[in-house]
Amino acid sequence: MYTRVPRARTALPIQTICPYCGNTVITVTSHVPGVLTWLLCAGIFMLGCTLGCCFIPFCIRGLMDVKHSCPVCQHQLFHHQRL
């Protein structure tokens, strides 16, 4: 069983062999908040944008990390970090 999720070099779906189910798949990607998202949120908050503007980084997909999953067994295969 894998304990650490390997890093992916791209945020785009990739073709790979799933180590859990053994199928050749094209990964399904989903955007999740990462370190960059939280740092930008804290930075905007510190600049005085306290009326909800600090949550804007959570709405921009280009600022979030990307999780690659197997479409067959739903296990997480890779993780692409923005920062």
N, C-alpha and C. Protein backbone atom coordinates (compact mmCIF):
# COMPACT_ATOMS: atom_id res chain seq x y z
N MET A 1 0.84 -1.18 0.00
CA MET A 1 0.00 0.00 0.00
C MET A 1 0.89 1.24 0.00
N TYR A 2 0.51 2.24 -0.77
CA TYR A 2 1.26 3.49 -0.87
C TYR A 2 0.90 4.41 0.29
N THR A 3 1.91 5.07 0.86
CA THR A 3 1.66 6.00 1.95
C THR A 3 1.82 7.45 1.51
N ARG A 4 2.59 7.70 0.46
CA ARG A 4 2.83 9.05 -0.02
C ARG A 4 2.37 9.17 -1.46
N VAL A 5 1.66 10.24 -1.76
CA VAL A 5 1.16 10.46 -3.11
C VAL A 5 2.24 11.16 -3.91
N PRO A 6 2.66 10.60 -5.05
CA PRO A 6 3.69 11.24 -5.87
C PRO A 6 3.21 12.56 -6.47
N ARG A 7 4.16 13.43 -6.77
CA ARG A 7 3.84 14.72 -7.38
C ARG A 7 3.71 14.56 -8.88
N ALA A 8 2.78 15.29 -9.46
CA ALA A 8 2.61 15.34 -10.91
C ALA A 8 3.22 16.64 -11.42
N ARG A 9 3.71 16.62 -12.64
CA ARG A 9 4.33 17.82 -13.21
C ARG A 9 3.31 18.73 -13.88
N THR A 10 2.11 18.27 -14.07
CA THR A 10 1.11 19.05 -14.79
C THR A 10 -0.23 19.01 -14.07
N ALA A 11 -1.04 20.01 -14.34
CA ALA A 11 -2.38 20.06 -13.79
C ALA A 11 -3.39 19.41 -14.74
N LEU A 12 -2.94 19.05 -15.94
CA LEU A 12 -3.81 18.42 -16.92
C LEU A 12 -3.93 16.93 -16.64
N PRO A 13 -5.03 16.28 -17.05
CA PRO A 13 -5.17 14.84 -16.88
C PRO A 13 -4.05 14.10 -17.63
N ILE A 14 -3.56 13.02 -17.04
CA ILE A 14 -2.48 12.26 -17.65
C ILE A 14 -2.87 10.79 -17.74
N GLN A 15 -2.27 10.09 -18.69
CA GLN A 15 -2.51 8.66 -18.84
C GLN A 15 -1.49 7.91 -18.00
N THR A 16 -1.95 6.95 -17.22
CA THR A 16 -1.08 6.18 -16.35
C THR A 16 -1.71 4.82 -16.06
N ILE A 17 -0.94 3.96 -15.44
CA ILE A 17 -1.46 2.67 -14.96
C ILE A 17 -1.70 2.81 -13.47
N CYS A 18 -2.91 2.59 -13.04
CA CYS A 18 -3.27 2.72 -11.63
C CYS A 18 -2.62 1.59 -10.82
N PRO A 19 -1.84 1.92 -9.80
CA PRO A 19 -1.21 0.87 -8.99
C PRO A 19 -2.20 0.13 -8.08
N TYR A 20 -3.41 0.65 -7.94
CA TYR A 20 -4.40 0.03 -7.06
C TYR A 20 -5.28 -0.98 -7.80
N CYS A 21 -5.77 -0.60 -9.01
CA CYS A 21 -6.66 -1.51 -9.74
C CYS A 21 -6.00 -2.11 -10.97
N GLY A 22 -4.85 -1.59 -11.41
CA GLY A 22 -4.11 -2.15 -12.53
C GLY A 22 -4.61 -1.75 -13.90
N ASN A 23 -5.60 -0.87 -13.98
CA ASN A 23 -6.13 -0.42 -15.27
C ASN A 23 -5.31 0.73 -15.83
N THR A 24 -5.25 0.80 -17.16
CA THR A 24 -4.66 1.96 -17.82
C THR A 24 -5.76 3.01 -17.90
N VAL A 25 -5.53 4.16 -17.27
CA VAL A 25 -6.57 5.18 -17.15
C VAL A 25 -6.02 6.56 -17.50
N ILE A 26 -6.93 7.47 -17.77
CA ILE A 26 -6.62 8.90 -17.85
C ILE A 26 -7.18 9.49 -16.57
N THR A 27 -6.32 10.14 -15.79
CA THR A 27 -6.71 10.60 -14.47
C THR A 27 -7.82 11.65 -14.53
N VAL A 28 -8.61 11.67 -13.47
CA VAL A 28 -9.64 12.68 -13.28
C VAL A 28 -9.05 13.71 -12.33
N THR A 29 -9.13 14.99 -12.71
CA THR A 29 -8.53 16.03 -11.88
C THR A 29 -9.59 16.79 -11.11
N SER A 30 -9.23 17.21 -9.91
CA SER A 30 -10.09 18.08 -9.10
C SER A 30 -9.21 19.10 -8.41
N HIS A 31 -9.72 20.30 -8.28
CA HIS A 31 -8.97 21.40 -7.69
C HIS A 31 -9.26 21.47 -6.19
N VAL A 32 -8.19 21.54 -5.40
CA VAL A 32 -8.31 21.62 -3.94
C VAL A 32 -7.44 22.77 -3.44
N PRO A 33 -7.88 23.47 -2.39
CA PRO A 33 -7.06 24.56 -1.84
C PRO A 33 -5.72 24.04 -1.33
N GLY A 34 -4.67 24.78 -1.65
CA GLY A 34 -3.34 24.40 -1.21
C GLY A 34 -2.66 25.54 -0.48
N VAL A 35 -1.36 25.44 -0.33
CA VAL A 35 -0.59 26.44 0.40
C VAL A 35 -0.69 27.81 -0.26
N LEU A 36 -0.57 27.86 -1.59
CA LEU A 36 -0.64 29.14 -2.29
C LEU A 36 -1.99 29.81 -2.07
N THR A 37 -3.07 29.06 -2.12
CA THR A 37 -4.40 29.61 -1.91
C THR A 37 -4.52 30.23 -0.53
N TRP A 38 -4.05 29.51 0.49
CA TRP A 38 -4.15 30.00 1.86
C TRP A 38 -3.24 31.20 2.10
N LEU A 39 -2.04 31.21 1.50
CA LEU A 39 -1.15 32.36 1.66
C LEU A 39 -1.73 33.62 1.02
N LEU A 40 -2.33 33.48 -0.15
CA LEU A 40 -2.96 34.63 -0.79
C LEU A 40 -4.16 35.13 0.01
N CYS A 41 -4.93 34.22 0.55
CA CYS A 41 -6.06 34.60 1.39
C CYS A 41 -5.59 35.38 2.61
N ALA A 42 -4.56 34.90 3.28
CA ALA A 42 -4.02 35.59 4.45
C ALA A 42 -3.41 36.94 4.07
N GLY A 43 -2.73 37.01 2.93
CA GLY A 43 -2.14 38.26 2.48
C GLY A 43 -3.18 39.32 2.16
N ILE A 44 -4.25 38.92 1.49
CA ILE A 44 -5.32 39.86 1.17
C ILE A 44 -6.01 40.33 2.45
N PHE A 45 -6.19 39.42 3.40
CA PHE A 45 -6.80 39.78 4.68
C PHE A 45 -5.93 40.79 5.44
N MET A 46 -4.61 40.57 5.41
CA MET A 46 -3.69 41.47 6.10
C MET A 46 -3.67 42.86 5.47
N LEU A 47 -3.98 42.95 4.19
CA LEU A 47 -4.02 44.24 3.51
C LEU A 47 -5.30 45.01 3.80
N GLY A 48 -6.21 44.40 4.55
CA GLY A 48 -7.42 45.11 4.96
C GLY A 48 -8.69 44.70 4.25
N CYS A 49 -8.64 43.74 3.38
CA CYS A 49 -9.85 43.28 2.70
C CYS A 49 -10.56 42.25 3.57
N THR A 50 -11.35 42.71 4.50
CA THR A 50 -11.96 41.81 5.48
C THR A 50 -13.42 41.51 5.19
N LEU A 51 -14.00 42.07 4.14
CA LEU A 51 -15.42 41.87 3.86
C LEU A 51 -15.68 40.70 2.92
N GLY A 52 -14.84 39.71 2.95
CA GLY A 52 -15.01 38.52 2.11
C GLY A 52 -14.13 38.51 0.88
N CYS A 53 -13.48 39.62 0.59
CA CYS A 53 -12.59 39.67 -0.58
C CYS A 53 -11.40 38.73 -0.42
N CYS A 54 -11.05 38.43 0.82
CA CYS A 54 -9.89 37.56 1.04
C CYS A 54 -10.16 36.12 0.59
N PHE A 55 -11.42 35.78 0.32
CA PHE A 55 -11.76 34.43 -0.11
C PHE A 55 -11.75 34.28 -1.63
N ILE A 56 -11.40 35.32 -2.35
CA ILE A 56 -11.35 35.27 -3.81
C ILE A 56 -10.39 34.19 -4.32
N PRO A 57 -9.20 33.96 -3.70
CA PRO A 57 -8.31 32.90 -4.21
C PRO A 57 -8.94 31.51 -4.21
N PHE A 58 -9.97 31.28 -3.39
CA PHE A 58 -10.63 29.98 -3.37
C PHE A 58 -11.57 29.79 -4.56
N CYS A 59 -11.83 30.86 -5.31
CA CYS A 59 -12.69 30.78 -6.49
C CYS A 59 -11.90 30.70 -7.79
N ILE A 60 -10.60 30.88 -7.73
CA ILE A 60 -9.77 30.87 -8.93
C ILE A 60 -9.05 29.53 -9.03
N ARG A 61 -9.42 28.74 -10.03
CA ARG A 61 -8.86 27.38 -10.17
C ARG A 61 -7.37 27.38 -10.43
N GLY A 62 -6.86 28.41 -11.07
CA GLY A 62 -5.44 28.49 -11.39
C GLY A 62 -4.55 28.69 -10.17
N LEU A 63 -5.13 29.01 -9.03
CA LEU A 63 -4.38 29.20 -7.80
C LEU A 63 -4.44 27.99 -6.86
N MET A 64 -5.24 27.00 -7.22
CA MET A 64 -5.41 25.83 -6.36
C MET A 64 -4.53 24.67 -6.80
N ASP A 65 -4.25 23.76 -5.87
CA ASP A 65 -3.55 22.52 -6.19
C ASP A 65 -4.50 21.60 -6.96
N VAL A 66 -3.94 20.63 -7.65
CA VAL A 66 -4.75 19.70 -8.44
C VAL A 66 -4.51 18.27 -7.96
N LYS A 67 -5.60 17.57 -7.70
CA LYS A 67 -5.54 16.17 -7.27
C LYS A 67 -5.91 15.29 -8.46
N HIS A 68 -5.04 14.33 -8.79
CA HIS A 68 -5.29 13.38 -9.88
C HIS A 68 -5.79 12.08 -9.26
N SER A 69 -6.95 11.59 -9.72
CA SER A 69 -7.54 10.36 -9.18
C SER A 69 -7.83 9.38 -10.30
N CYS A 70 -7.92 8.11 -9.93
CA CYS A 70 -8.29 7.05 -10.87
C CYS A 70 -9.80 7.09 -11.06
N PRO A 71 -10.29 7.10 -12.31
CA PRO A 71 -11.74 7.12 -12.54
C PRO A 71 -12.41 5.78 -12.22
N VAL A 72 -11.65 4.71 -12.13
CA VAL A 72 -12.22 3.39 -11.87
C VAL A 72 -12.37 3.13 -10.37
N CYS A 73 -11.27 3.29 -9.62
CA CYS A 73 -11.31 2.95 -8.19
C CYS A 73 -11.31 4.17 -7.26
N GLN A 74 -11.22 5.38 -7.81
CA GLN A 74 -11.28 6.65 -7.09
C GLN A 74 -10.11 6.89 -6.13
N HIS A 75 -9.04 6.14 -6.20
CA HIS A 75 -7.86 6.40 -5.37
C HIS A 75 -7.09 7.59 -5.93
N GLN A 76 -6.49 8.38 -5.03
CA GLN A 76 -5.67 9.50 -5.46
C GLN A 76 -4.33 8.97 -5.93
N LEU A 77 -3.94 9.34 -7.16
CA LEU A 77 -2.71 8.84 -7.75
C LEU A 77 -1.58 9.85 -7.70
N PHE A 78 -1.87 11.12 -7.99
CA PHE A 78 -0.86 12.17 -8.03
C PHE A 78 -1.42 13.43 -7.40
N HIS A 79 -0.50 14.36 -7.09
CA HIS A 79 -0.89 15.66 -6.55
C HIS A 79 0.01 16.72 -7.17
N HIS A 80 -0.59 17.72 -7.81
CA HIS A 80 0.17 18.82 -8.42
C HIS A 80 0.05 20.03 -7.51
N GLN A 81 1.18 20.48 -6.97
CA GLN A 81 1.18 21.62 -6.05
C GLN A 81 1.62 22.88 -6.78
N ARG A 82 0.91 23.96 -6.57
CA ARG A 82 1.23 25.24 -7.21
C ARG A 82 2.43 25.91 -6.57
N LEU A 83 2.66 25.65 -5.30
CA LEU A 83 3.77 26.30 -4.60
C LEU A 83 4.67 25.26 -4.00
